[in-house]
Amino acid sequence: MTHPSGLSRFRPAVVIVLLLAVGAGLFAGSYSFAMAHPTPHHIPIGVVDDSPQLQRFVAGMDSDLSTQLVQRRFATRAAAVDAVDRQHVFAVAQTKAGGGTVAFDLVPAAGASVARVLAAAAPTAAAQAGVRLSLGNLKPLQPGDPQGLAIFYITLAAVIVGFLGAVQLTVHASELRPLERFLTIVVYSVLGSLSIVAVVDWGLHVLRLPFPESWGILTLTMVTSGLVFTAFYMLFGKWAILPTWLLMVLLGNPSSGGAVSWLLLPQPLGAVGRWLPPGASVNAQHNAIYFEGNQYAFPYLVLVGWAVAAAAIAWTWRRRRYPEM
């Protein structure tokens, strides 16, 4: 075995030190940029009447939030509540009988950070409008998760463990054939996601999860994360952890909407997040837990799309870079 001589021995260490130094700043900066100062951008709310008192209240909200609430008008309160269930609006405003009180009902389940921002601005807006405020809650968060962060945490666990598992397979089980590697990723994803559900729901009772759906979403998330690393490994070799970390952790997790709603994220993070695996996982999990009657195929298609694309890239490039596989 030959050893590099002179300063060349330290070259890899110097590169790693520099990458870690830059990565530490990017890590802190990406999360601080996305989450430190949530700012509303055109939040849609439902309004059931067009009274002057209500319009003054909404104008006060616009002024306090330095944005514009998007008013969507409904003929009845029932129609507005249906729009809440479909996640088309994030609050419902209505003038009560007599005109002296505005009922402002929030929807924390649709976005806890949005509800907090609206709740903080509402009293000042009501005072400016000269009306009394009746603050309500149409869809509360679960008691064990009053801040609405548990979905973000379980998704973060699935994403990170998903690609770290693939990293360990590369280091310690490099002789696995492609199909064997894929099946191993599926197996640890199934068991790992079951462990997440067992701890968070059955053990700690933080979040009541719809078992089959949540288990399936977490499994698909872990599989996708593992395949993304595998694809990058086939493309970049031993440096694959860098693009994986950039995509899934530095960009994907802060923009996922799990800790700060997409409506409050800086642009273009708010638009990009739902197209990345962490954001799709948060979206699917959120719908399954709080809006089981109004779910959408989009987040599942995003996860499947990333998984299929990553698998195709890994399969195509494996023979170019590793012909022995």
C-alpha atoms as a PDB file:
ATOM      1  CA  MET A   1       0.000   0.000   0.000  1.00  0.00           C
ATOM      2  CA  THR A   2       1.439   3.347  -1.059  1.00  0.00           C
ATOM      3  CA  HIS A   3       0.917   6.526   0.905  1.00  0.00           C
ATOM      4  CA  PRO A   4       0.748  10.034  -0.592  1.00  0.00           C
ATOM      5  CA  SER A   5       3.766  12.077   0.309  1.00  0.00           C
ATOM      6  CA  GLY A   6       4.211  15.632   1.462  1.00  0.00           C
ATOM      7  CA  LEU A   7       1.342  18.059   1.524  1.00  0.00           C
ATOM      8  CA  SER A   8      -0.768  15.929  -0.820  1.00  0.00           C
ATOM      9  CA  ARG A   9      -1.727  13.811   2.193  1.00  0.00           C
ATOM     10  CA  PHE A  10      -3.636  16.756   3.606  1.00  0.00           C
ATOM     11  CA  ARG A  11      -5.452  17.774   0.428  1.00  0.00           C
ATOM     12  CA  PRO A  12      -8.631  15.714   1.053  1.00  0.00           C
ATOM     13  CA  ALA A  13      -8.735  16.893   4.662  1.00  0.00           C
ATOM     14  CA  VAL A  14      -8.421  20.537   3.594  1.00  0.00           C
ATOM     15  CA  VAL A  15     -11.241  20.124   1.066  1.00  0.00           C
ATOM     16  CA  ILE A  16     -13.475  18.521   3.690  1.00  0.00           C
ATOM     17  CA  VAL A  17     -12.688  21.236   6.245  1.00  0.00           C
ATOM     18  CA  LEU A  18     -13.595  23.966   3.747  1.00  0.00           C
ATOM     19  CA  LEU A  19     -16.780  22.191   2.681  1.00  0.00           C
ATOM     20  CA  LEU A  20     -17.881  21.725   6.288  1.00  0.00           C
ATOM     21  CA  ALA A  21     -17.155  25.361   7.115  1.00  0.00           C
ATOM     22  CA  VAL A  22     -19.227  26.581   4.172  1.00  0.00           C
ATOM     23  CA  GLY A  23     -21.899  23.959   4.829  1.00  0.00           C
ATOM     24  CA  ALA A  24     -22.343  25.046   8.437  1.00  0.00           C
ATOM     25  CA  GLY A  25     -23.088  28.600   7.355  1.00  0.00           C
ATOM     26  CA  LEU A  26     -25.427  27.466   4.582  1.00  0.00           C
ATOM     27  CA  PHE A  27     -27.250  25.157   6.988  1.00  0.00           C
ATOM     28  CA  ALA A  28     -27.860  27.906   9.524  1.00  0.00           C
ATOM     29  CA  GLY A  29     -28.598  30.469   6.834  1.00  0.00           C
ATOM     30  CA  SER A  30     -31.134  28.391   4.918  1.00  0.00           C
ATOM     31  CA  TYR A  31     -33.267  27.688   7.988  1.00  0.00           C
ATOM     32  CA  SER A  32     -32.916  31.230   9.335  1.00  0.00           C
ATOM     33  CA  PHE A  33     -33.829  32.766   5.979  1.00  0.00           C
ATOM     34  CA  ALA A  34     -36.902  30.563   5.614  1.00  0.00           C
ATOM     35  CA  MET A  35     -38.213  30.481   9.172  1.00  0.00           C
ATOM     36  CA  ALA A  36     -36.945  33.386  11.261  1.00  0.00           C
ATOM     37  CA  HIS A  37     -39.386  36.012  10.000  1.00  0.00           C
ATOM     38  CA  PRO A  38     -42.571  34.522   8.479  1.00  0.00           C
ATOM     39  CA  THR A  39     -44.128  37.132   6.192  1.00  0.00           C
ATOM     40  CA  PRO A  40     -47.614  36.724   4.710  1.00  0.00           C
ATOM     41  CA  HIS A  41     -48.115  36.821   0.953  1.00  0.00           C
ATOM     42  CA  HIS A  42     -51.706  37.131  -0.294  1.00  0.00           C
ATOM     43  CA  ILE A  43     -53.478  34.929   2.259  1.00  0.00           C
ATOM     44  CA  PRO A  44     -56.929  33.834   0.983  1.00  0.00           C
ATOM     45  CA  ILE A  45     -59.793  34.272   3.458  1.00  0.00           C
ATOM     46  CA  GLY A  46     -63.506  33.653   3.102  1.00  0.00           C
ATOM     47  CA  VAL A  47     -65.967  36.499   3.712  1.00  0.00           C
ATOM     48  CA  VAL A  48     -69.681  35.853   4.139  1.00  0.00           C
ATOM     49  CA  ASP A  49     -70.941  39.439   3.848  1.00  0.00           C
ATOM     50  CA  ASP A  50     -69.829  42.802   2.512  1.00  0.00           C
ATOM     51  CA  SER A  51     -70.604  45.087   5.424  1.00  0.00           C
ATOM     52  CA  PRO A  52     -68.603  48.317   5.886  1.00  0.00           C
ATOM     53  CA  GLN A  53     -67.491  47.097   9.325  1.00  0.00           C
ATOM     54  CA  LEU A  54     -66.050  43.920   7.833  1.00  0.00           C
ATOM     55  CA  GLN A  55     -64.287  45.809   5.054  1.00  0.00           C
ATOM     56  CA  ARG A  56     -62.714  48.181   7.583  1.00  0.00           C
ATOM     57  CA  PHE A  57     -61.538  45.171   9.587  1.00  0.00           C
ATOM     58  CA  VAL A  58     -59.991  43.527   6.512  1.00  0.00           C
ATOM     59  CA  ALA A  59     -58.347  46.821   5.533  1.00  0.00           C
ATOM     60  CA  GLY A  60     -56.875  47.012   9.037  1.00  0.00           C
ATOM     61  CA  MET A  61     -55.522  43.471   8.664  1.00  0.00           C
ATOM     62  CA  ASP A  62     -53.934  44.407   5.342  1.00  0.00           C
ATOM     63  CA  SER A  63     -52.276  47.429   6.925  1.00  0.00           C
ATOM     64  CA  ASP A  64     -51.002  45.544   9.975  1.00  0.00           C
ATOM     65  CA  LEU A  65     -49.660  42.625   7.925  1.00  0.00           C
ATOM     66  CA  SER A  66     -48.240  44.850   5.158  1.00  0.00           C
ATOM     67  CA  THR A  67     -49.900  42.612   2.596  1.00  0.00           C
ATOM     68  CA  GLN A  68     -53.293  42.054   1.041  1.00  0.00           C
ATOM     69  CA  LEU A  69     -55.743  39.419   2.203  1.00  0.00           C
ATOM     70  CA  VAL A  70     -57.385  37.790  -0.793  1.00  0.00           C
ATOM     71  CA  GLN A  71     -61.123  37.944  -0.130  1.00  0.00           C
ATOM     72  CA  ARG A  72     -63.198  35.114  -1.526  1.00  0.00           C
ATOM     73  CA  ARG A  73     -66.898  35.794  -1.126  1.00  0.00           C
ATOM     74  CA  PHE A  74     -69.425  33.124  -0.171  1.00  0.00           C
ATOM     75  CA  ALA A  75     -73.193  33.349   0.015  1.00  0.00           C
ATOM     76  CA  THR A  76     -73.417  31.319   3.226  1.00  0.00           C
ATOM     77  CA  ARG A  77     -71.192  30.350   6.127  1.00  0.00           C
ATOM     78  CA  ALA A  78     -71.629  26.691   5.174  1.00  0.00           C
ATOM     79  CA  ALA A  79     -70.109  27.395   1.764  1.00  0.00           C
ATOM     80  CA  ALA A  80     -67.172  29.174   3.416  1.00  0.00           C
ATOM     81  CA  VAL A  81     -66.605  26.246   5.791  1.00  0.00           C
ATOM     82  CA  ASP A  82     -66.646  23.877   2.814  1.00  0.00           C
ATOM     83  CA  ALA A  83     -63.906  26.011   1.240  1.00  0.00           C
ATOM     84  CA  VAL A  84     -61.938  25.620   4.482  1.00  0.00           C
ATOM     85  CA  ASP A  85     -62.256  21.844   4.208  1.00  0.00           C
ATOM     86  CA  ARG A  86     -60.922  22.044   0.659  1.00  0.00           C
ATOM     87  CA  GLN A  87     -58.051  24.275   1.880  1.00  0.00           C
ATOM     88  CA  HIS A  88     -59.064  27.104  -0.423  1.00  0.00           C
ATOM     89  CA  VAL A  89     -59.219  29.660   2.418  1.00  0.00           C
ATOM     90  CA  PHE A  90     -57.338  29.973   5.719  1.00  0.00           C
ATOM     91  CA  ALA A  91     -59.895  31.946   7.738  1.00  0.00           C
ATOM     92  CA  VAL A  92     -63.557  32.970   7.598  1.00  0.00           C
ATOM     93  CA  ALA A  93     -64.749  36.495   8.442  1.00  0.00           C
ATOM     94  CA  GLN A  94     -68.367  37.479   9.026  1.00  0.00           C
ATOM     95  CA  THR A  95     -70.235  40.383  10.605  1.00  0.00           C
ATOM     96  CA  LYS A  96     -72.470  39.252  13.445  1.00  0.00           C
ATOM     97  CA  ALA A  97     -76.061  40.417  13.811  1.00  0.00           C
ATOM     98  CA  GLY A  98     -76.169  44.086  14.797  1.00  0.00           C
ATOM     99  CA  GLY A  99     -72.957  44.894  12.924  1.00  0.00           C
ATOM    100  CA  GLY A 100     -70.863  45.727  15.980  1.00  0.00           C
ATOM    101  CA  THR A 101     -68.889  42.470  16.076  1.00  0.00           C
ATOM    102  CA  VAL A 102     -66.757  40.727  13.474  1.00  0.00           C
ATOM    103  CA  ALA A 103     -66.423  36.950  13.827  1.00  0.00           C
ATOM    104  CA  PHE A 104     -63.001  35.883  12.591  1.00  0.00           C
ATOM    105  CA  ASP A 105     -62.562  32.103  12.560  1.00  0.00           C
ATOM    106  CA  LEU A 106     -59.056  30.740  12.068  1.00  0.00           C
ATOM    107  CA  VAL A 107     -57.983  27.360  10.703  1.00  0.00           C
ATOM    108  CA  PRO A 108     -54.811  26.260  12.546  1.00  0.00           C
ATOM    109  CA  ALA A 109     -55.001  22.804  10.969  1.00  0.00           C
ATOM    110  CA  ALA A 110     -54.582  24.392   7.533  1.00  0.00           C
ATOM    111  CA  GLY A 111     -51.453  26.235   8.661  1.00  0.00           C
ATOM    112  CA  ALA A 112     -50.506  26.856  12.276  1.00  0.00           C
ATOM    113  CA  SER A 113     -48.057  29.631  11.403  1.00  0.00           C
ATOM    114  CA  VAL A 114     -50.677  31.386   9.250  1.00  0.00           C
ATOM    115  CA  ALA A 115     -53.223  31.163  12.071  1.00  0.00           C
ATOM    116  CA  ARG A 116     -50.717  32.666  14.533  1.00  0.00           C
ATOM    117  CA  VAL A 117     -49.959  35.579  12.210  1.00  0.00           C
ATOM    118  CA  LEU A 118     -53.649  36.296  11.622  1.00  0.00           C
ATOM    119  CA  ALA A 119     -54.506  35.967  15.322  1.00  0.00           C
ATOM    120  CA  ALA A 120     -51.771  38.439  16.267  1.00  0.00           C
ATOM    121  CA  ALA A 121     -52.985  41.056  13.781  1.00  0.00           C
ATOM    122  CA  ALA A 122     -56.744  40.694  14.331  1.00  0.00           C
ATOM    123  CA  PRO A 123     -57.160  42.615  17.655  1.00  0.00           C
ATOM    124  CA  THR A 124     -55.376  45.701  16.313  1.00  0.00           C
ATOM    125  CA  ALA A 125     -57.375  45.583  13.079  1.00  0.00           C
ATOM    126  CA  ALA A 126     -60.644  45.305  15.018  1.00  0.00           C
ATOM    127  CA  ALA A 127     -59.731  48.280  17.198  1.00  0.00           C
ATOM    128  CA  GLN A 128     -58.875  50.361  14.128  1.00  0.00           C
ATOM    129  CA  ALA A 129     -62.185  49.380  12.509  1.00  0.00           C
ATOM    130  CA  GLY A 130     -64.148  50.262  15.643  1.00  0.00           C
ATOM    131  CA  VAL A 131     -65.677  46.792  16.017  1.00  0.00           C
ATOM    132  CA  ARG A 132     -65.570  44.054  18.621  1.00  0.00           C
ATOM    133  CA  LEU A 133     -63.691  40.896  17.691  1.00  0.00           C
ATOM    134  CA  SER A 134     -64.912  37.335  18.164  1.00  0.00           C
ATOM    135  CA  LEU A 135     -61.933  35.083  17.460  1.00  0.00           C
ATOM    136  CA  GLY A 136     -62.846  31.468  16.689  1.00  0.00           C
ATOM    137  CA  ASN A 137     -61.182  28.233  15.667  1.00  0.00           C
ATOM    138  CA  LEU A 138     -62.713  26.140  12.893  1.00  0.00           C
ATOM    139  CA  LYS A 139     -60.159  23.334  12.708  1.00  0.00           C
ATOM    140  CA  PRO A 140     -57.905  23.121  15.764  1.00  0.00           C
ATOM    141  CA  LEU A 141     -54.624  21.281  15.935  1.00  0.00           C
ATOM    142  CA  GLN A 142     -54.401  18.070  17.897  1.00  0.00           C
ATOM    143  CA  PRO A 143     -53.858  18.574  21.667  1.00  0.00           C
ATOM    144  CA  GLY A 144     -50.485  16.825  21.648  1.00  0.00           C
ATOM    145  CA  ASP A 145     -49.140  19.138  18.940  1.00  0.00           C
ATOM    146  CA  PRO A 146     -50.282  22.672  19.834  1.00  0.00           C
ATOM    147  CA  GLN A 147     -47.598  24.343  17.689  1.00  0.00           C
ATOM    148  CA  GLY A 148     -48.286  22.199  14.633  1.00  0.00           C
ATOM    149  CA  LEU A 149     -44.675  21.063  14.235  1.00  0.00           C
ATOM    150  CA  ALA A 150     -44.962  17.293  14.660  1.00  0.00           C
ATOM    151  CA  ILE A 151     -45.578  16.652  10.947  1.00  0.00           C
ATOM    152  CA  PHE A 152     -42.400  18.585  10.142  1.00  0.00           C
ATOM    153  CA  TYR A 153     -40.440  16.510  12.652  1.00  0.00           C
ATOM    154  CA  ILE A 154     -41.629  13.106  11.439  1.00  0.00           C
ATOM    155  CA  THR A 155     -40.958  14.136   7.841  1.00  0.00           C
ATOM    156  CA  LEU A 156     -37.481  15.378   8.776  1.00  0.00           C
ATOM    157  CA  ALA A 157     -36.782  12.016  10.414  1.00  0.00           C
ATOM    158  CA  ALA A 158     -37.959  10.101   7.347  1.00  0.00           C
ATOM    159  CA  VAL A 159     -35.946  12.239   4.932  1.00  0.00           C
ATOM    160  CA  ILE A 160     -32.662  12.145   6.848  1.00  0.00           C
ATOM    161  CA  VAL A 161     -32.812   8.485   7.893  1.00  0.00           C
ATOM    162  CA  GLY A 162     -33.864   7.615   4.342  1.00  0.00           C
ATOM    163  CA  PHE A 163     -30.702   8.912   2.708  1.00  0.00           C
ATOM    164  CA  LEU A 164     -28.385   8.093   5.632  1.00  0.00           C
ATOM    165  CA  GLY A 165     -29.474   4.477   5.265  1.00  0.00           C
ATOM    166  CA  ALA A 166     -28.448   4.581   1.609  1.00  0.00           C
ATOM    167  CA  VAL A 167     -25.119   6.149   2.622  1.00  0.00           C
ATOM    168  CA  GLN A 168     -24.459   3.287   5.018  1.00  0.00           C
ATOM    169  CA  LEU A 169     -25.334   0.729   2.355  1.00  0.00           C
ATOM    170  CA  THR A 170     -22.772   2.347   0.069  1.00  0.00           C
ATOM    171  CA  VAL A 171     -20.076   2.226   2.749  1.00  0.00           C
ATOM    172  CA  HIS A 172     -20.773  -1.117   4.413  1.00  0.00           C
ATOM    173  CA  ALA A 173     -22.715  -3.137   1.815  1.00  0.00           C
ATOM    174  CA  SER A 174     -21.146  -1.995  -1.442  1.00  0.00           C
ATOM    175  CA  GLU A 175     -21.280  -5.507  -2.927  1.00  0.00           C
ATOM    176  CA  LEU A 176     -25.073  -5.456  -3.134  1.00  0.00           C
ATOM    177  CA  ARG A 177     -26.426  -5.628  -6.664  1.00  0.00           C
ATOM    178  CA  PRO A 178     -28.782  -2.799  -7.759  1.00  0.00           C
ATOM    179  CA  LEU A 179     -31.976  -4.785  -7.161  1.00  0.00           C
ATOM    180  CA  GLU A 180     -30.682  -5.998  -3.792  1.00  0.00           C
ATOM    181  CA  ARG A 181     -29.806  -2.426  -2.832  1.00  0.00           C
ATOM    182  CA  PHE A 182     -33.285  -1.223  -3.830  1.00  0.00           C
ATOM    183  CA  LEU A 183     -35.011  -3.981  -1.852  1.00  0.00           C
ATOM    184  CA  THR A 184     -32.862  -3.187   1.187  1.00  0.00           C
ATOM    185  CA  ILE A 185     -33.872   0.486   0.950  1.00  0.00           C
ATOM    186  CA  VAL A 186     -37.527  -0.573   0.808  1.00  0.00           C
ATOM    187  CA  VAL A 187     -37.160  -2.873   3.823  1.00  0.00           C
ATOM    188  CA  TYR A 188     -35.482  -0.313   6.097  1.00  0.00           C
ATOM    189  CA  SER A 189     -37.991   2.302   4.919  1.00  0.00           C
ATOM    190  CA  VAL A 190     -40.955   0.105   5.845  1.00  0.00           C
ATOM    191  CA  LEU A 191     -39.485  -0.677   9.265  1.00  0.00           C
ATOM    192  CA  GLY A 192     -38.184   2.839   9.898  1.00  0.00           C
ATOM    193  CA  SER A 193     -41.506   4.481   9.083  1.00  0.00           C
ATOM    194  CA  LEU A 194     -43.296   1.974  11.296  1.00  0.00           C
ATOM    195  CA  SER A 195     -40.919   2.941  14.097  1.00  0.00           C
ATOM    196  CA  ILE A 196     -41.721   6.643  13.580  1.00  0.00           C
ATOM    197  CA  VAL A 197     -45.466   5.978  13.776  1.00  0.00           C
ATOM    198  CA  ALA A 198     -45.052   3.751  16.828  1.00  0.00           C
ATOM    199  CA  VAL A 199     -43.017   6.320  18.764  1.00  0.00           C
ATOM    200  CA  VAL A 200     -44.910   9.493  17.824  1.00  0.00           C
ATOM    201  CA  ASP A 201     -48.444   8.082  17.949  1.00  0.00           C
ATOM    202  CA  TRP A 202     -48.614   4.918  20.038  1.00  0.00           C
ATOM    203  CA  GLY A 203     -45.766   5.732  22.420  1.00  0.00           C
ATOM    204  CA  LEU A 204     -45.711   9.495  23.009  1.00  0.00           C
ATOM    205  CA  HIS A 205     -49.285  10.261  21.845  1.00  0.00           C
ATOM    206  CA  VAL A 206     -48.045  13.475  20.241  1.00  0.00           C
ATOM    207  CA  LEU A 207     -50.041  13.029  17.045  1.00  0.00           C
ATOM    208  CA  ARG A 208     -52.904  10.699  16.206  1.00  0.00           C
ATOM    209  CA  LEU A 209     -51.930   9.334  12.818  1.00  0.00           C
ATOM    210  CA  PRO A 210     -54.182   7.525  10.323  1.00  0.00           C
ATOM    211  CA  PHE A 211     -52.018   4.414  10.461  1.00  0.00           C
ATOM    212  CA  PRO A 212     -52.125   2.960   6.925  1.00  0.00           C
ATOM    213  CA  GLU A 213     -51.804   6.336   5.201  1.00  0.00           C
ATOM    214  CA  SER A 214     -49.165   7.856   7.467  1.00  0.00           C
ATOM    215  CA  TRP A 215     -47.119   4.666   7.409  1.00  0.00           C
ATOM    216  CA  GLY A 216     -47.327   4.553   3.616  1.00  0.00           C
ATOM    217  CA  ILE A 217     -46.412   8.232   3.212  1.00  0.00           C
ATOM    218  CA  LEU A 218     -43.402   7.925   5.517  1.00  0.00           C
ATOM    219  CA  THR A 219     -42.296   4.735   3.762  1.00  0.00           C
ATOM    220  CA  LEU A 220     -42.530   6.385   0.349  1.00  0.00           C
ATOM    221  CA  THR A 221     -40.628   9.393   1.703  1.00  0.00           C
ATOM    222  CA  MET A 222     -37.785   7.240   3.034  1.00  0.00           C
ATOM    223  CA  VAL A 223     -37.599   5.204  -0.171  1.00  0.00           C
ATOM    224  CA  THR A 224     -37.499   8.376  -2.260  1.00  0.00           C
ATOM    225  CA  SER A 225     -34.800   9.919  -0.069  1.00  0.00           C
ATOM    226  CA  GLY A 226     -32.695   6.765  -0.270  1.00  0.00           C
ATOM    227  CA  LEU A 227     -33.064   6.590  -4.046  1.00  0.00           C
ATOM    228  CA  VAL A 228     -32.149  10.261  -4.441  1.00  0.00           C
ATOM    229  CA  PHE A 229     -28.835   9.619  -2.674  1.00  0.00           C
ATOM    230  CA  THR A 230     -28.295   6.480  -4.756  1.00  0.00           C
ATOM    231  CA  ALA A 231     -28.818   8.458  -7.972  1.00  0.00           C
ATOM    232  CA  PHE A 232     -26.373  11.131  -6.834  1.00  0.00           C
ATOM    233  CA  TYR A 233     -23.885   8.408  -5.876  1.00  0.00           C
ATOM    234  CA  MET A 234     -24.009   7.011  -9.392  1.00  0.00           C
ATOM    235  CA  LEU A 235     -23.478  10.529 -10.767  1.00  0.00           C
ATOM    236  CA  PHE A 236     -20.899  11.946  -8.350  1.00  0.00           C
ATOM    237  CA  GLY A 237     -19.426   8.988  -6.506  1.00  0.00           C
ATOM    238  CA  LYS A 238     -18.134   9.572  -2.976  1.00  0.00           C
ATOM    239  CA  TRP A 239     -19.249  13.233  -3.030  1.00  0.00           C
ATOM    240  CA  ALA A 240     -22.914  12.249  -3.401  1.00  0.00           C
ATOM    241  CA  ILE A 241     -23.774  13.331   0.137  1.00  0.00           C
ATOM    242  CA  LEU A 242     -23.209  16.988  -0.859  1.00  0.00           C
ATOM    243  CA  PRO A 243     -25.964  17.346  -3.503  1.00  0.00           C
ATOM    244  CA  THR A 244     -28.235  15.112  -1.426  1.00  0.00           C
ATOM    245  CA  TRP A 245     -27.795  17.341   1.624  1.00  0.00           C
ATOM    246  CA  LEU A 246     -28.275  20.486  -0.447  1.00  0.00           C
ATOM    247  CA  LEU A 247     -31.472  19.227  -2.079  1.00  0.00           C
ATOM    248  CA  MET A 248     -33.159  17.404   0.781  1.00  0.00           C
ATOM    249  CA  VAL A 249     -31.970  19.281   3.885  1.00  0.00           C
ATOM    250  CA  LEU A 250     -30.803  22.785   2.960  1.00  0.00           C
ATOM    251  CA  LEU A 251     -33.530  23.411   0.366  1.00  0.00           C
ATOM    252  CA  GLY A 252     -36.215  20.770   0.808  1.00  0.00           C
ATOM    253  CA  ASN A 253     -36.873  20.817   4.541  1.00  0.00           C
ATOM    254  CA  PRO A 254     -37.013  24.610   5.134  1.00  0.00           C
ATOM    255  CA  SER A 255     -39.333  25.011   2.131  1.00  0.00           C
ATOM    256  CA  SER A 256     -41.528  22.017   2.999  1.00  0.00           C
ATOM    257  CA  GLY A 257     -44.255  24.060   4.691  1.00  0.00           C
ATOM    258  CA  GLY A 258     -44.014  21.916   7.812  1.00  0.00           C
ATOM    259  CA  ALA A 259     -42.587  24.527  10.177  1.00  0.00           C
ATOM    260  CA  VAL A 260     -43.640  27.680   8.309  1.00  0.00           C
ATOM    261  CA  SER A 261     -46.541  27.613   5.861  1.00  0.00           C
ATOM    262  CA  TRP A 262     -45.828  28.098   2.160  1.00  0.00           C
ATOM    263  CA  LEU A 263     -47.938  31.276   2.361  1.00  0.00           C
ATOM    264  CA  LEU A 264     -45.385  32.813   4.752  1.00  0.00           C
ATOM    265  CA  LEU A 265     -42.140  31.604   3.185  1.00  0.00           C
ATOM    266  CA  PRO A 266     -39.875  33.912   1.179  1.00  0.00           C
ATOM    267  CA  GLN A 267     -40.275  33.467  -2.545  1.00  0.00           C
ATOM    268  CA  PRO A 268     -39.384  31.381  -4.458  1.00  0.00           C
ATOM    269  CA  LEU A 269     -39.152  28.897  -1.562  1.00  0.00           C
ATOM    270  CA  GLY A 270     -42.914  28.923  -1.122  1.00  0.00           C
ATOM    271  CA  ALA A 271     -43.441  27.934  -4.748  1.00  0.00           C
ATOM    272  CA  VAL A 272     -40.577  25.434  -5.001  1.00  0.00           C
ATOM    273  CA  GLY A 273     -41.153  23.589  -1.725  1.00  0.00           C
ATOM    274  CA  ARG A 274     -44.221  21.605  -2.720  1.00  0.00           C
ATOM    275  CA  TRP A 275     -42.358  20.153  -5.726  1.00  0.00           C
ATOM    276  CA  LEU A 276     -39.583  18.642  -3.571  1.00  0.00           C
ATOM    277  CA  PRO A 277     -39.855  15.351  -1.645  1.00  0.00           C
ATOM    278  CA  PRO A 278     -39.950  16.876   1.888  1.00  0.00           C
ATOM    279  CA  GLY A 279     -42.681  19.341   0.897  1.00  0.00           C
ATOM    280  CA  ALA A 280     -44.710  16.670  -0.862  1.00  0.00           C
ATOM    281  CA  SER A 281     -44.427  14.421   2.195  1.00  0.00           C
ATOM    282  CA  VAL A 282     -45.551  17.187   4.571  1.00  0.00           C
ATOM    283  CA  ASN A 283     -48.421  18.032   2.231  1.00  0.00           C
ATOM    284  CA  ALA A 284     -49.629  14.432   1.961  1.00  0.00           C
ATOM    285  CA  GLN A 285     -49.285  13.823   5.707  1.00  0.00           C
ATOM    286  CA  HIS A 286     -51.076  17.059   6.564  1.00  0.00           C
ATOM    287  CA  ASN A 287     -54.010  16.213   4.295  1.00  0.00           C
ATOM    288  CA  ALA A 288     -54.274  12.665   5.635  1.00  0.00           C
ATOM    289  CA  ILE A 289     -54.347  13.796   9.276  1.00  0.00           C
ATOM    290  CA  TYR A 290     -56.546  16.890   9.172  1.00  0.00           C
ATOM    291  CA  PHE A 291     -58.404  16.819   5.835  1.00  0.00           C
ATOM    292  CA  GLU A 292     -59.055  13.135   5.271  1.00  0.00           C
ATOM    293  CA  GLY A 293     -62.217  13.856   3.265  1.00  0.00           C
ATOM    294  CA  ASN A 294     -60.477  16.238   0.856  1.00  0.00           C
ATOM    295  CA  GLN A 295     -57.154  14.746  -0.157  1.00  0.00           C
ATOM    296  CA  TYR A 296     -55.270  15.385  -3.377  1.00  0.00           C
ATOM    297  CA  ALA A 297     -53.115  13.188  -5.589  1.00  0.00           C
ATOM    298  CA  PHE A 298     -50.492  15.875  -6.244  1.00  0.00           C
ATOM    299  CA  PRO A 299     -48.112  15.235  -3.289  1.00  0.00           C
ATOM    300  CA  TYR A 300     -48.138  11.488  -3.940  1.00  0.00           C
ATOM    301  CA  LEU A 301     -47.360  12.063  -7.612  1.00  0.00           C
ATOM    302  CA  VAL A 302     -44.432  14.300  -6.634  1.00  0.00           C
ATOM    303  CA  LEU A 303     -42.972  11.632  -4.339  1.00  0.00           C
ATOM    304  CA  VAL A 304     -43.463   8.854  -6.887  1.00  0.00           C
ATOM    305  CA  GLY A 305     -42.020  11.066  -9.625  1.00  0.00           C
ATOM    306  CA  TRP A 306     -38.844  11.734  -7.651  1.00  0.00           C
ATOM    307  CA  ALA A 307     -38.500   8.050  -6.730  1.00  0.00           C
ATOM    308  CA  VAL A 308     -38.935   6.858 -10.322  1.00  0.00           C
ATOM    309  CA  ALA A 309     -36.611   9.534 -11.723  1.00  0.00           C
ATOM    310  CA  ALA A 310     -33.921   8.764  -9.134  1.00  0.00           C
ATOM    311  CA  ALA A 311     -34.203   5.018  -9.758  1.00  0.00           C
ATOM    312  CA  ALA A 312     -33.956   5.557 -13.517  1.00  0.00           C
ATOM    313  CA  ILE A 313     -30.861   7.741 -13.155  1.00  0.00           C
ATOM    314  CA  ALA A 314     -29.210   5.244 -10.817  1.00  0.00           C
ATOM    315  CA  TRP A 315     -29.982   2.346 -13.158  1.00  0.00           C
ATOM    316  CA  THR A 316     -28.759   4.199 -16.261  1.00  0.00           C
ATOM    317  CA  TRP A 317     -25.520   5.513 -14.788  1.00  0.00           C
ATOM    318  CA  ARG A 318     -24.496   2.501 -12.730  1.00  0.00           C
ATOM    319  CA  ARG A 319     -22.811   0.741 -15.669  1.00  0.00           C
ATOM    320  CA  ARG A 320     -21.033   3.877 -16.817  1.00  0.00           C
ATOM    321  CA  ARG A 321     -19.450   4.583 -13.460  1.00  0.00           C
ATOM    322  CA  TYR A 322     -19.442   1.094 -11.913  1.00  0.00           C
ATOM    323  CA  PRO A 323     -19.430  -1.448 -14.772  1.00  0.00           C
ATOM    324  CA  GLU A 324     -18.837  -4.293 -12.326  1.00  0.00           C
ATOM    325  CA  MET A 325     -22.246  -3.741 -10.669  1.00  0.00           C
END
